[in-house]
Amino acid sequence: MAVEERVNPAALAYKPEDYAYSVMWSEADQAYIGRVLEFPSLAAHGPSPVGALQEMTDVVRYVLEDLAESGEEIPPPLSKRPFSGNLRLRMPEDLHRTLAIEAAQQHVSLNQWINLKLSR
């Protein structure tokens, strides 16, 4: 693709800043490693947490531009994905019974009790 045909980064549906990043120290690499949740195969090194995050953000910017240029699907950031708030959960009968008893003892619904336990 010619230079004038390159994708305008401002026209991308998602920005690198929309994605979920983490930075951790790597003893093996003796550097900080930046990762992005929505692109699990990507990683970038940096001498500091801020440096690794900046490197990772730059990598994501390049990948977004490359995917847009090639017409490939761009994974939506978790921050932009819709969530219904509904979750179907299977559990052992004994756990279900225990939770129902605990909820009754607390005078709340089973749904409220599970939400309370998950939020702790």
PDB file of N, CA and C in Angstrom:
ATOM      1  N   MET A   1       0.844  -1.164   0.000  1.00  0.00           N
ATOM      2  CA  MET A   1       0.000   0.000   0.000  1.00  0.00           C
ATOM      3  C   MET A   1       0.893   1.232   0.000  1.00  0.00           C
ATOM      4  N   ALA A   2       0.609   2.188  -0.817  1.00  0.00           N
ATOM      5  CA  ALA A   2       1.411   3.400  -0.906  1.00  0.00           C
ATOM      6  C   ALA A   2       1.245   4.227   0.359  1.00  0.00           C
ATOM      7  N   VAL A   3       2.219   5.100   0.599  1.00  0.00           N
ATOM      8  CA  VAL A   3       2.197   5.914   1.805  1.00  0.00           C
ATOM      9  C   VAL A   3       0.905   6.710   1.910  1.00  0.00           C
ATOM     10  N   GLU A   4       0.463   7.294   0.790  1.00  0.00           N
ATOM     11  CA  GLU A   4      -0.744   8.110   0.849  1.00  0.00           C
ATOM     12  C   GLU A   4      -2.005   7.280   1.078  1.00  0.00           C
ATOM     13  N   GLU A   5      -1.906   5.940   0.914  1.00  0.00           N
ATOM     14  CA  GLU A   5      -3.055   5.069   1.116  1.00  0.00           C
ATOM     15  C   GLU A   5      -3.107   4.482   2.522  1.00  0.00           C
ATOM     16  N   ARG A   6      -2.098   4.758   3.326  1.00  0.00           N
ATOM     17  CA  ARG A   6      -2.061   4.204   4.682  1.00  0.00           C
ATOM     18  C   ARG A   6      -3.272   4.649   5.481  1.00  0.00           C
ATOM     19  N   VAL A   7      -3.651   3.806   6.416  1.00  0.00           N
ATOM     20  CA  VAL A   7      -4.797   4.094   7.260  1.00  0.00           C
ATOM     21  C   VAL A   7      -4.465   5.269   8.170  1.00  0.00           C
ATOM     22  N   ASN A   8      -5.386   6.192   8.261  1.00  0.00           N
ATOM     23  CA  ASN A   8      -5.240   7.326   9.160  1.00  0.00           C
ATOM     24  C   ASN A   8      -5.516   6.823  10.576  1.00  0.00           C
ATOM     25  N   PRO A   9      -4.516   6.883  11.482  1.00  0.00           N
ATOM     26  CA  PRO A   9      -4.734   6.369  12.842  1.00  0.00           C
ATOM     27  C   PRO A   9      -5.937   7.004  13.531  1.00  0.00           C
ATOM     28  N   ALA A  10      -6.234   8.245  13.226  1.00  0.00           N
ATOM     29  CA  ALA A  10      -7.383   8.909  13.845  1.00  0.00           C
ATOM     30  C   ALA A  10      -8.703   8.302  13.376  1.00  0.00           C
ATOM     31  N   ALA A  11      -8.680   7.599  12.234  1.00  0.00           N
ATOM     32  CA  ALA A  11      -9.905   7.017  11.686  1.00  0.00           C
ATOM     33  C   ALA A  11     -10.180   5.612  12.225  1.00  0.00           C
ATOM     34  N   LEU A  12      -9.261   5.071  13.004  1.00  0.00           N
ATOM     35  CA  LEU A  12      -9.461   3.729  13.543  1.00  0.00           C
ATOM     36  C   LEU A  12     -10.639   3.705  14.515  1.00  0.00           C
ATOM     37  N   ALA A  13     -11.358   2.601  14.509  1.00  0.00           N
ATOM     38  CA  ALA A  13     -12.515   2.467  15.402  1.00  0.00           C
ATOM     39  C   ALA A  13     -12.089   2.454  16.860  1.00  0.00           C
ATOM     40  N   TYR A  14     -10.929   1.869  17.148  1.00  0.00           N
ATOM     41  CA  TYR A  14     -10.432   1.766  18.514  1.00  0.00           C
ATOM     42  C   TYR A  14      -9.061   2.398  18.600  1.00  0.00           C
ATOM     43  N   LYS A  15      -8.773   2.965  19.733  1.00  0.00           N
ATOM     44  CA  LYS A  15      -7.476   3.585  20.005  1.00  0.00           C
ATOM     45  C   LYS A  15      -6.667   2.650  20.909  1.00  0.00           C
ATOM     46  N   PRO A  16      -5.353   2.711  20.823  1.00  0.00           N
ATOM     47  CA  PRO A  16      -4.539   1.865  21.714  1.00  0.00           C
ATOM     48  C   PRO A  16      -4.891   2.064  23.192  1.00  0.00           C
ATOM     49  N   GLU A  17      -5.260   3.269  23.559  1.00  0.00           N
ATOM     50  CA  GLU A  17      -5.576   3.579  24.953  1.00  0.00           C
ATOM     51  C   GLU A  17      -6.846   2.884  25.447  1.00  0.00           C
ATOM     52  N   ASP A  18      -7.647   2.335  24.525  1.00  0.00           N
ATOM     53  CA  ASP A  18      -8.887   1.652  24.898  1.00  0.00           C
ATOM     54  C   ASP A  18      -8.652   0.251  25.454  1.00  0.00           C
ATOM     55  N   TYR A  19      -7.470  -0.300  25.246  1.00  0.00           N
ATOM     56  CA  TYR A  19      -7.196  -1.695  25.579  1.00  0.00           C
ATOM     57  C   TYR A  19      -6.701  -1.865  27.015  1.00  0.00           C
ATOM     58  N   ALA A  20      -6.732  -3.102  27.507  1.00  0.00           N
ATOM     59  CA  ALA A  20      -6.365  -3.432  28.892  1.00  0.00           C
ATOM     60  C   ALA A  20      -4.918  -3.921  28.960  1.00  0.00           C
ATOM     61  N   TYR A  21      -4.079  -3.151  29.617  1.00  0.00           N
ATOM     62  CA  TYR A  21      -2.639  -3.440  29.693  1.00  0.00           C
ATOM     63  C   TYR A  21      -2.239  -3.908  31.084  1.00  0.00           C
ATOM     64  N   SER A  22      -1.137  -4.651  31.111  1.00  0.00           N
ATOM     65  CA  SER A  22      -0.493  -4.997  32.378  1.00  0.00           C
ATOM     66  C   SER A  22       1.014  -4.931  32.158  1.00  0.00           C
ATOM     67  N   VAL A  23       1.726  -4.625  33.220  1.00  0.00           N
ATOM     68  CA  VAL A  23       3.189  -4.567  33.171  1.00  0.00           C
ATOM     69  C   VAL A  23       3.713  -5.322  34.379  1.00  0.00           C
ATOM     70  N   MET A  24       4.676  -6.223  34.130  1.00  0.00           N
ATOM     71  CA  MET A  24       5.280  -7.002  35.215  1.00  0.00           C
ATOM     72  C   MET A  24       6.784  -7.079  35.004  1.00  0.00           C
ATOM     73  N   TRP A  25       7.503  -7.236  36.098  1.00  0.00           N
ATOM     74  CA  TRP A  25       8.947  -7.422  36.040  1.00  0.00           C
ATOM     75  C   TRP A  25       9.241  -8.865  35.646  1.00  0.00           C
ATOM     76  N   SER A  26      10.207  -9.058  34.751  1.00  0.00           N
ATOM     77  CA  SER A  26      10.629 -10.394  34.340  1.00  0.00           C
ATOM     78  C   SER A  26      12.066 -10.614  34.782  1.00  0.00           C
ATOM     79  N   GLU A  27      12.258 -11.536  35.721  1.00  0.00           N
ATOM     80  CA  GLU A  27      13.621 -11.870  36.154  1.00  0.00           C
ATOM     81  C   GLU A  27      14.427 -12.435  34.995  1.00  0.00           C
ATOM     82  N   ALA A  28      13.785 -13.284  34.198  1.00  0.00           N
ATOM     83  CA  ALA A  28      14.489 -13.923  33.084  1.00  0.00           C
ATOM     84  C   ALA A  28      15.004 -12.897  32.071  1.00  0.00           C
ATOM     85  N   ASP A  29      14.211 -11.872  31.812  1.00  0.00           N
ATOM     86  CA  ASP A  29      14.596 -10.859  30.826  1.00  0.00           C
ATOM     87  C   ASP A  29      15.292  -9.660  31.449  1.00  0.00           C
ATOM     88  N   GLN A  30      15.225  -9.561  32.776  1.00  0.00           N
ATOM     89  CA  GLN A  30      15.764  -8.404  33.480  1.00  0.00           C
ATOM     90  C   GLN A  30      15.217  -7.108  32.893  1.00  0.00           C
ATOM     91  N   ALA A  31      13.909  -7.122  32.680  1.00  0.00           N
ATOM     92  CA  ALA A  31      13.213  -5.957  32.124  1.00  0.00           C
ATOM     93  C   ALA A  31      11.746  -6.058  32.505  1.00  0.00           C
ATOM     94  N   TYR A  32      11.067  -4.952  32.361  1.00  0.00           N
ATOM     95  CA  TYR A  32       9.616  -4.948  32.538  1.00  0.00           C
ATOM     96  C   TYR A  32       8.982  -5.401  31.232  1.00  0.00           C
ATOM     97  N   ILE A  33       7.930  -6.207  31.349  1.00  0.00           N
ATOM     98  CA  ILE A  33       7.229  -6.741  30.182  1.00  0.00           C
ATOM     99  C   ILE A  33       5.822  -6.169  30.169  1.00  0.00           C
ATOM    100  N   GLY A  34       5.467  -5.511  29.073  1.00  0.00           N
ATOM    101  CA  GLY A  34       4.118  -5.008  28.894  1.00  0.00           C
ATOM    102  C   GLY A  34       3.317  -5.998  28.061  1.00  0.00           C
ATOM    103  N   ARG A  35       2.077  -6.201  28.428  1.00  0.00           N
ATOM    104  CA  ARG A  35       1.166  -7.080  27.689  1.00  0.00           C
ATOM    105  C   ARG A  35      -0.179  -6.387  27.549  1.00  0.00           C
ATOM    106  N   VAL A  36      -0.961  -6.872  26.579  1.00  0.00           N
ATOM    107  CA  VAL A  36      -2.306  -6.347  26.379  1.00  0.00           C
ATOM    108  C   VAL A  36      -3.252  -7.536  26.325  1.00  0.00           C
ATOM    109  N   LEU A  37      -4.287  -7.491  27.149  1.00  0.00           N
ATOM    110  CA  LEU A  37      -5.194  -8.625  27.326  1.00  0.00           C
ATOM    111  C   LEU A  37      -5.854  -9.065  26.020  1.00  0.00           C
ATOM    112  N   GLU A  38      -6.265  -8.126  25.198  1.00  0.00           N
ATOM    113  CA  GLU A  38      -7.018  -8.452  23.990  1.00  0.00           C
ATOM    114  C   GLU A  38      -6.138  -9.015  22.863  1.00  0.00           C
ATOM    115  N   PHE A  39      -4.822  -8.865  22.983  1.00  0.00           N
ATOM    116  CA  PHE A  39      -3.864  -9.421  22.015  1.00  0.00           C
ATOM    117  C   PHE A  39      -2.851 -10.260  22.792  1.00  0.00           C
ATOM    118  N   PRO A  40      -3.214 -11.483  23.205  1.00  0.00           N
ATOM    119  CA  PRO A  40      -2.349 -12.263  24.095  1.00  0.00           C
ATOM    120  C   PRO A  40      -0.985 -12.633  23.522  1.00  0.00           C
ATOM    121  N   SER A  41      -0.813 -12.591  22.214  1.00  0.00           N
ATOM    122  CA  SER A  41       0.485 -12.958  21.641  1.00  0.00           C
ATOM    123  C   SER A  41       1.475 -11.795  21.629  1.00  0.00           C
ATOM    124  N   LEU A  42       1.041 -10.598  22.002  1.00  0.00           N
ATOM    125  CA  LEU A  42       1.915  -9.427  21.967  1.00  0.00           C
ATOM    126  C   LEU A  42       2.567  -9.179  23.321  1.00  0.00           C
ATOM    127  N   ALA A  43       3.827  -8.717  23.266  1.00  0.00           N
ATOM    128  CA  ALA A  43       4.548  -8.308  24.468  1.00  0.00           C
ATOM    129  C   ALA A  43       5.612  -7.308  24.056  1.00  0.00           C
ATOM    130  N   ALA A  44       5.995  -6.444  24.997  1.00  0.00           N
ATOM    131  CA  ALA A  44       7.049  -5.464  24.740  1.00  0.00           C
ATOM    132  C   ALA A  44       7.846  -5.267  26.017  1.00  0.00           C
ATOM    133  N   HIS A  45       9.160  -5.066  25.852  1.00  0.00           N
ATOM    134  CA  HIS A  45      10.061  -4.852  26.982  1.00  0.00           C
ATOM    135  C   HIS A  45      10.277  -3.368  27.220  1.00  0.00           C
ATOM    136  N   GLY A  46      10.642  -3.050  28.444  1.00  0.00           N
ATOM    137  CA  GLY A  46      11.022  -1.687  28.769  1.00  0.00           C
ATOM    138  C   GLY A  46      11.871  -1.667  30.026  1.00  0.00           C
ATOM    139  N   PRO A  47      12.692  -0.616  30.182  1.00  0.00           N
ATOM    140  CA  PRO A  47      13.563  -0.519  31.363  1.00  0.00           C
ATOM    141  C   PRO A  47      12.809  -0.105  32.630  1.00  0.00           C
ATOM    142  N   SER A  48      11.583   0.359  32.462  1.00  0.00           N
ATOM    143  CA  SER A  48      10.751   0.782  33.588  1.00  0.00           C
ATOM    144  C   SER A  48       9.312   0.391  33.273  1.00  0.00           C
ATOM    145  N   PRO A  49       8.432   0.406  34.276  1.00  0.00           N
ATOM    146  CA  PRO A  49       7.026   0.109  33.986  1.00  0.00           C
ATOM    147  C   PRO A  49       6.439   1.069  32.958  1.00  0.00           C
ATOM    148  N   VAL A  50       6.762   2.345  33.090  1.00  0.00           N
ATOM    149  CA  VAL A  50       6.244   3.335  32.140  1.00  0.00           C
ATOM    150  C   VAL A  50       6.805   3.078  30.745  1.00  0.00           C
ATOM    151  N   GLY A  51       8.087   2.730  30.662  1.00  0.00           N
ATOM    152  CA  GLY A  51       8.706   2.448  29.371  1.00  0.00           C
ATOM    153  C   GLY A  51       8.092   1.236  28.692  1.00  0.00           C
ATOM    154  N   ALA A  52       7.833   0.190  29.474  1.00  0.00           N
ATOM    155  CA  ALA A  52       7.221  -1.016  28.902  1.00  0.00           C
ATOM    156  C   ALA A  52       5.802  -0.728  28.434  1.00  0.00           C
ATOM    157  N   LEU A  53       5.064   0.056  29.205  1.00  0.00           N
ATOM    158  CA  LEU A  53       3.706   0.414  28.811  1.00  0.00           C
ATOM    159  C   LEU A  53       3.714   1.243  27.531  1.00  0.00           C
ATOM    160  N   GLN A  54       4.645   2.188  27.420  1.00  0.00           N
ATOM    161  CA  GLN A  54       4.729   3.003  26.203  1.00  0.00           C
ATOM    162  C   GLN A  54       5.082   2.140  24.991  1.00  0.00           C
ATOM    163  N   GLU A  55       6.023   1.220  25.173  1.00  0.00           N
ATOM    164  CA  GLU A  55       6.391   0.312  24.077  1.00  0.00           C
ATOM    165  C   GLU A  55       5.198  -0.539  23.658  1.00  0.00           C
ATOM    166  N   MET A  56       4.456  -1.053  24.645  1.00  0.00           N
ATOM    167  CA  MET A  56       3.310  -1.900  24.340  1.00  0.00           C
ATOM    168  C   MET A  56       2.226  -1.105  23.632  1.00  0.00           C
ATOM    169  N   THR A  57       2.002   0.122  24.061  1.00  0.00           N
ATOM    170  CA  THR A  57       1.010   0.979  23.410  1.00  0.00           C
ATOM    171  C   THR A  57       1.401   1.239  21.956  1.00  0.00           C
ATOM    172  N   ASP A  58       2.690   1.458  21.717  1.00  0.00           N
ATOM    173  CA  ASP A  58       3.166   1.667  20.343  1.00  0.00           C
ATOM    174  C   ASP A  58       2.956   0.423  19.489  1.00  0.00           C
ATOM    175  N   VAL A  59       3.216  -0.753  20.067  1.00  0.00           N
ATOM    176  CA  VAL A  59       3.010  -2.005  19.337  1.00  0.00           C
ATOM    177  C   VAL A  59       1.531  -2.167  18.982  1.00  0.00           C
ATOM    178  N   VAL A  60       0.653  -1.893  19.927  1.00  0.00           N
ATOM    179  CA  VAL A  60      -0.787  -2.025  19.667  1.00  0.00           C
ATOM    180  C   VAL A  60      -1.215  -1.038  18.585  1.00  0.00           C
ATOM    181  N   ARG A  61      -0.691   0.182  18.624  1.00  0.00           N
ATOM    182  CA  ARG A  61      -1.019   1.179  17.589  1.00  0.00           C
ATOM    183  C   ARG A  61      -0.637   0.637  16.200  1.00  0.00           C
ATOM    184  N   TYR A  62       0.556   0.071  16.097  1.00  0.00           N
ATOM    185  CA  TYR A  62       1.013  -0.489  14.824  1.00  0.00           C
ATOM    186  C   TYR A  62       0.110  -1.650  14.394  1.00  0.00           C
ATOM    187  N   VAL A  63      -0.225  -2.546  15.320  1.00  0.00           N
ATOM    188  CA  VAL A  63      -1.059  -3.704  14.994  1.00  0.00           C
ATOM    189  C   VAL A  63      -2.445  -3.259  14.545  1.00  0.00           C
ATOM    190  N   LEU A  64      -3.019  -2.280  15.225  1.00  0.00           N
ATOM    191  CA  LEU A  64      -4.338  -1.777  14.824  1.00  0.00           C
ATOM    192  C   LEU A  64      -4.299  -1.214  13.410  1.00  0.00           C
ATOM    193  N   GLU A  65      -3.267  -0.445  13.103  1.00  0.00           N
ATOM    194  CA  GLU A  65      -3.126   0.112  11.753  1.00  0.00           C
ATOM    195  C   GLU A  65      -2.953  -0.997  10.724  1.00  0.00           C
ATOM    196  N   ASP A  66      -2.141  -1.998  11.066  1.00  0.00           N
ATOM    197  CA  ASP A  66      -1.882  -3.105  10.145  1.00  0.00           C
ATOM    198  C   ASP A  66      -3.159  -3.920   9.893  1.00  0.00           C
ATOM    199  N   LEU A  67      -3.898  -4.214  10.942  1.00  0.00           N
ATOM    200  CA  LEU A  67      -5.152  -4.957  10.776  1.00  0.00           C
ATOM    201  C   LEU A  67      -6.156  -4.172   9.940  1.00  0.00           C
ATOM    202  N   ALA A  68      -6.227  -2.862  10.177  1.00  0.00           N
ATOM    203  CA  ALA A  68      -7.152  -2.028   9.404  1.00  0.00           C
ATOM    204  C   ALA A  68      -6.747  -1.990   7.934  1.00  0.00           C
ATOM    205  N   GLU A  69      -5.458  -1.862   7.664  1.00  0.00           N
ATOM    206  CA  GLU A  69      -4.968  -1.829   6.277  1.00  0.00           C
ATOM    207  C   GLU A  69      -5.279  -3.118   5.540  1.00  0.00           C
ATOM    208  N   SER A  70      -5.128  -4.239   6.242  1.00  0.00           N
ATOM    209  CA  SER A  70      -5.344  -5.535   5.584  1.00  0.00           C
ATOM    210  C   SER A  70      -6.808  -5.965   5.601  1.00  0.00           C
ATOM    211  N   GLY A  71      -7.663  -5.172   6.245  1.00  0.00           N
ATOM    212  CA  GLY A  71      -9.080  -5.498   6.283  1.00  0.00           C
ATOM    213  C   GLY A  71      -9.435  -6.603   7.251  1.00  0.00           C
ATOM    214  N   GLU A  72      -8.505  -6.949   8.132  1.00  0.00           N
ATOM    215  CA  GLU A  72      -8.767  -8.005   9.111  1.00  0.00           C
ATOM    216  C   GLU A  72      -9.595  -7.461  10.269  1.00  0.00           C
ATOM    217  N   GLU A  73     -10.251  -8.375  10.952  1.00  0.00           N
ATOM    218  CA  GLU A  73     -11.081  -7.993  12.093  1.00  0.00           C
ATOM    219  C   GLU A  73     -10.204  -7.507  13.242  1.00  0.00           C
ATOM    220  N   ILE A  74     -10.611  -6.416  13.860  1.00  0.00           N
ATOM    221  CA  ILE A  74      -9.891  -5.851  14.994  1.00  0.00           C
ATOM    222  C   ILE A  74     -10.644  -6.230  16.261  1.00  0.00           C
ATOM    223  N   PRO A  75      -9.961  -6.903  17.194  1.00  0.00           N
ATOM    224  CA  PRO A  75     -10.649  -7.287  18.429  1.00  0.00           C
ATOM    225  C   PRO A  75     -11.105  -6.044  19.198  1.00  0.00           C
ATOM    226  N   PRO A  76     -12.361  -6.011  19.605  1.00  0.00           N
ATOM    227  CA  PRO A  76     -12.814  -4.849  20.385  1.00  0.00           C
ATOM    228  C   PRO A  76     -12.190  -4.864  21.779  1.00  0.00           C
ATOM    229  N   PRO A  77     -11.865  -3.703  22.291  1.00  0.00           N
ATOM    230  CA  PRO A  77     -11.331  -3.638  23.658  1.00  0.00           C
ATOM    231  C   PRO A  77     -12.398  -4.063  24.668  1.00  0.00           C
ATOM    232  N   LEU A  78     -11.972  -4.646  25.767  1.00  0.00           N
ATOM    233  CA  LEU A  78     -12.918  -5.010  26.817  1.00  0.00           C
ATOM    234  C   LEU A  78     -13.703  -3.793  27.283  1.00  0.00           C
ATOM    235  N   SER A  79     -13.067  -2.625  27.271  1.00  0.00           N
ATOM    236  CA  SER A  79     -13.747  -1.405  27.727  1.00  0.00           C
ATOM    237  C   SER A  79     -14.885  -0.986  26.813  1.00  0.00           C
ATOM    238  N   LYS A  80     -14.923  -1.521  25.598  1.00  0.00           N
ATOM    239  CA  LYS A  80     -15.972  -1.161  24.640  1.00  0.00           C
ATOM    240  C   LYS A  80     -16.981  -2.280  24.409  1.00  0.00           C
ATOM    241  N   ARG A  81     -16.741  -3.455  24.969  1.00  0.00           N
ATOM    242  CA  ARG A  81     -17.632  -4.591  24.771  1.00  0.00           C
ATOM    243  C   ARG A  81     -18.857  -4.470  25.661  1.00  0.00           C
ATOM    244  N   PRO A  82     -20.014  -4.818  25.130  1.00  0.00           N
ATOM    245  CA  PRO A  82     -21.219  -4.783  25.979  1.00  0.00           C
ATOM    246  C   PRO A  82     -21.272  -6.020  26.881  1.00  0.00           C
ATOM    247  N   PHE A  83     -21.694  -5.805  28.098  1.00  0.00           N
ATOM    248  CA  PHE A  83     -21.912  -6.900  29.041  1.00  0.00           C
ATOM    249  C   PHE A  83     -23.348  -6.802  29.531  1.00  0.00           C
ATOM    250  N   SER A  84     -24.056  -7.929  29.571  1.00  0.00           N
ATOM    251  CA  SER A  84     -25.470  -7.931  29.930  1.00  0.00           C
ATOM    252  C   SER A  84     -25.702  -7.885  31.438  1.00  0.00           C
ATOM    253  N   GLY A  85     -24.725  -8.323  32.210  1.00  0.00           N
ATOM    254  CA  GLY A  85     -24.940  -8.436  33.647  1.00  0.00           C
ATOM    255  C   GLY A  85     -25.543  -9.768  34.041  1.00  0.00           C
ATOM    256  N   ASN A  86     -25.839 -10.602  33.050  1.00  0.00           N
ATOM    257  CA  ASN A  86     -26.376 -11.941  33.308  1.00  0.00           C
ATOM    258  C   ASN A  86     -25.277 -12.966  33.107  1.00  0.00           C
ATOM    259  N   LEU A  87     -25.258 -13.957  33.996  1.00  0.00           N
ATOM    260  CA  LEU A  87     -24.239 -14.994  33.928  1.00  0.00           C
ATOM    261  C   LEU A  87     -24.879 -16.310  34.326  1.00  0.00           C
ATOM    262  N   ARG A  88     -24.791 -17.291  33.448  1.00  0.00           N
ATOM    263  CA  ARG A  88     -25.283 -18.632  33.798  1.00  0.00           C
ATOM    264  C   ARG A  88     -24.118 -19.373  34.419  1.00  0.00           C
ATOM    265  N   LEU A  89     -24.347 -19.914  35.576  1.00  0.00           N
ATOM    266  CA  LEU A  89     -23.268 -20.543  36.326  1.00  0.00           C
ATOM    267  C   LEU A  89     -23.683 -21.940  36.756  1.00  0.00           C
ATOM    268  N   ARG A  90     -22.862 -22.911  36.435  1.00  0.00           N
ATOM    269  CA  ARG A  90     -23.108 -24.278  36.897  1.00  0.00           C
ATOM    270  C   ARG A  90     -22.200 -24.525  38.097  1.00  0.00           C
ATOM    271  N   MET A  91     -22.743 -25.221  39.082  1.00  0.00           N
ATOM    272  CA  MET A  91     -21.962 -25.526  40.281  1.00  0.00           C
ATOM    273  C   MET A  91     -22.445 -26.849  40.852  1.00  0.00           C
ATOM    274  N   PRO A  92     -21.641 -27.466  41.699  1.00  0.00           N
ATOM    275  CA  PRO A  92     -22.086 -28.703  42.343  1.00  0.00           C
ATOM    276  C   PRO A  92     -23.327 -28.446  43.210  1.00  0.00           C
ATOM    277  N   GLU A  93     -24.187 -29.438  43.303  1.00  0.00           N
ATOM    278  CA  GLU A  93     -25.420 -29.316  44.083  1.00  0.00           C
ATOM    279  C   GLU A  93     -25.139 -28.924  45.533  1.00  0.00           C
ATOM    280  N   ASP A  94     -24.105 -29.503  46.121  1.00  0.00           N
ATOM    281  CA  ASP A  94     -23.777 -29.196  47.522  1.00  0.00           C
ATOM    282  C   ASP A  94     -23.413 -27.724  47.700  1.00  0.00           C
ATOM    283  N   LEU A  95     -22.675 -27.173  46.766  1.00  0.00           N
ATOM    284  CA  LEU A  95     -22.319 -25.751  46.844  1.00  0.00           C
ATOM    285  C   LEU A  95     -23.566 -24.887  46.693  1.00  0.00           C
ATOM    286  N   HIS A  96     -24.453 -25.260  45.771  1.00  0.00           N
ATOM    287  CA  HIS A  96     -25.699 -24.531  45.572  1.00  0.00           C
ATOM    288  C   HIS A  96     -26.510 -24.526  46.875  1.00  0.00           C
ATOM    289  N   ARG A  97     -26.600 -25.680  47.495  1.00  0.00           N
ATOM    290  CA  ARG A  97     -27.346 -25.807  48.758  1.00  0.00           C
ATOM    291  C   ARG A  97     -26.703 -24.932  49.842  1.00  0.00           C
ATOM    292  N   THR A  98     -25.382 -25.010  49.973  1.00  0.00           N
ATOM    293  CA  THR A  98     -24.673 -24.220  50.978  1.00  0.00           C
ATOM    294  C   THR A  98     -24.895 -22.730  50.779  1.00  0.00           C
ATOM    295  N   LEU A  99     -24.801 -22.281  49.545  1.00  0.00           N
ATOM    296  CA  LEU A  99     -25.011 -20.858  49.253  1.00  0.00           C
ATOM    297  C   LEU A  99     -26.450 -20.440  49.537  1.00  0.00           C
ATOM    298  N   ALA A 100     -27.399 -21.297  49.203  1.00  0.00           N
ATOM    299  CA  ALA A 100     -28.807 -20.985  49.462  1.00  0.00           C
ATOM    300  C   ALA A 100     -29.070 -20.872  50.962  1.00  0.00           C
ATOM    301  N   ILE A 101     -28.464 -21.745  51.743  1.00  0.00           N
ATOM    302  CA  ILE A 101     -28.616 -21.685  53.202  1.00  0.00           C
ATOM    303  C   ILE A 101     -27.999 -20.399  53.743  1.00  0.00           C
ATOM    304  N   GLU A 102     -26.791 -20.079  53.288  1.00  0.00           N
ATOM    305  CA  GLU A 102     -26.129 -18.847  53.728  1.00  0.00           C
ATOM    306  C   GLU A 102     -26.962 -17.619  53.375  1.00  0.00           C
ATOM    307  N   ALA A 103     -27.516 -17.599  52.166  1.00  0.00           N
ATOM    308  CA  ALA A 103     -28.343 -16.457  51.739  1.00  0.00           C
ATOM    309  C   ALA A 103     -29.570 -16.329  52.635  1.00  0.00           C
ATOM    310  N   ALA A 104     -30.201 -17.454  52.947  1.00  0.00           N
ATOM    311  CA  ALA A 104     -31.385 -17.428  53.812  1.00  0.00           C
ATOM    312  C   ALA A 104     -31.013 -16.923  55.207  1.00  0.00           C
ATOM    313  N   GLN A 105     -29.865 -17.356  55.711  1.00  0.00           N
ATOM    314  CA  GLN A 105     -29.410 -16.902  57.026  1.00  0.00           C
ATOM    315  C   GLN A 105     -29.137 -15.400  57.046  1.00  0.00           C
ATOM    316  N   GLN A 106     -28.742 -14.847  55.919  1.00  0.00           N
ATOM    317  CA  GLN A 106     -28.448 -13.413  55.806  1.00  0.00           C
ATOM    318  C   GLN A 106     -29.679 -12.607  55.406  1.00  0.00           C
ATOM    319  N   HIS A 107     -30.783 -13.295  55.139  1.00  0.00           N
ATOM    320  CA  HIS A 107     -32.047 -12.658  54.729  1.00  0.00           C
ATOM    321  C   HIS A 107     -31.895 -11.870  53.424  1.00  0.00           C
ATOM    322  N   VAL A 108     -31.170 -12.469  52.485  1.00  0.00           N
ATOM    323  CA  VAL A 108     -31.019 -11.885  51.150  1.00  0.00           C
ATOM    324  C   VAL A 108     -31.264 -12.976  50.122  1.00  0.00           C
ATOM    325  N   SER A 109     -31.482 -12.570  48.888  1.00  0.00           N
ATOM    326  CA  SER A 109     -31.683 -13.558  47.827  1.00  0.00           C
ATOM    327  C   SER A 109     -30.360 -14.265  47.527  1.00  0.00           C
ATOM    328  N   LEU A 110     -30.459 -15.416  46.910  1.00  0.00           N
ATOM    329  CA  LEU A 110     -29.260 -16.151  46.508  1.00  0.00           C
ATOM    330  C   LEU A 110     -28.430 -15.302  45.543  1.00  0.00           C
ATOM    331  N   ASN A 111     -29.083 -14.623  44.628  1.00  0.00           N
ATOM    332  CA  ASN A 111     -28.387 -13.749  43.682  1.00  0.00           C
ATOM    333  C   ASN A 111     -27.612 -12.654  44.425  1.00  0.00           C
ATOM    334  N   GLN A 112     -28.257 -12.011  45.387  1.00  0.00           N
ATOM    335  CA  GLN A 112     -27.585 -10.960  46.162  1.00  0.00           C
ATOM    336  C   GLN A 112     -26.399 -11.533  46.935  1.00  0.00           C
ATOM    337  N   TRP A 113     -26.580 -12.716  47.503  1.00  0.00           N
ATOM    338  CA  TRP A 113     -25.515 -13.323  48.293  1.00  0.00           C
ATOM    339  C   TRP A 113     -24.302 -13.660  47.422  1.00  0.00           C
ATOM    340  N   ILE A 114     -24.531 -14.236  46.259  1.00  0.00           N
ATOM    341  CA  ILE A 114     -23.424 -14.576  45.355  1.00  0.00           C
ATOM    342  C   ILE A 114     -22.726 -13.302  44.886  1.00  0.00           C
ATOM    343  N   ASN A 115     -23.494 -12.265  44.564  1.00  0.00           N
ATOM    344  CA  ASN A 115     -22.875 -10.988  44.173  1.00  0.00           C
ATOM    345  C   ASN A 115     -22.012 -10.422  45.285  1.00  0.00           C
ATOM    346  N   LEU A 116     -22.503 -10.486  46.504  1.00  0.00           N
ATOM    347  CA  LEU A 116     -21.741  -9.990  47.649  1.00  0.00           C
ATOM    348  C   LEU A 116     -20.448 -10.768  47.805  1.00  0.00           C
ATOM    349  N   LYS A 117     -20.530 -12.086  47.716  1.00  0.00           N
ATOM    350  CA  LYS A 117     -19.331 -12.924  47.864  1.00  0.00           C
ATOM    351  C   LYS A 117     -18.329 -12.657  46.736  1.00  0.00           C
ATOM    352  N   LEU A 118     -18.821 -12.464  45.522  1.00  0.00           N
ATOM    353  CA  LEU A 118     -17.917 -12.209  44.388  1.00  0.00           C
ATOM    354  C   LEU A 118     -17.267 -10.838  44.469  1.00  0.00           C
ATOM    355  N   SER A 119     -17.949  -9.882  45.073  1.00  0.00           N
ATOM    356  CA  SER A 119     -17.416  -8.523  45.117  1.00  0.00           C
ATOM    357  C   SER A 119     -16.364  -8.343  46.208  1.00  0.00           C
ATOM    358  N   ARG A 120     -16.226  -9.309  47.081  1.00  0.00           N
ATOM    359  CA  ARG A 120     -15.235  -9.219  48.170  1.00  0.00           C
ATOM    360  C   ARG A 120     -13.860  -9.525  47.686  1.00  0.00           C
TER     361      ARG A 120
END
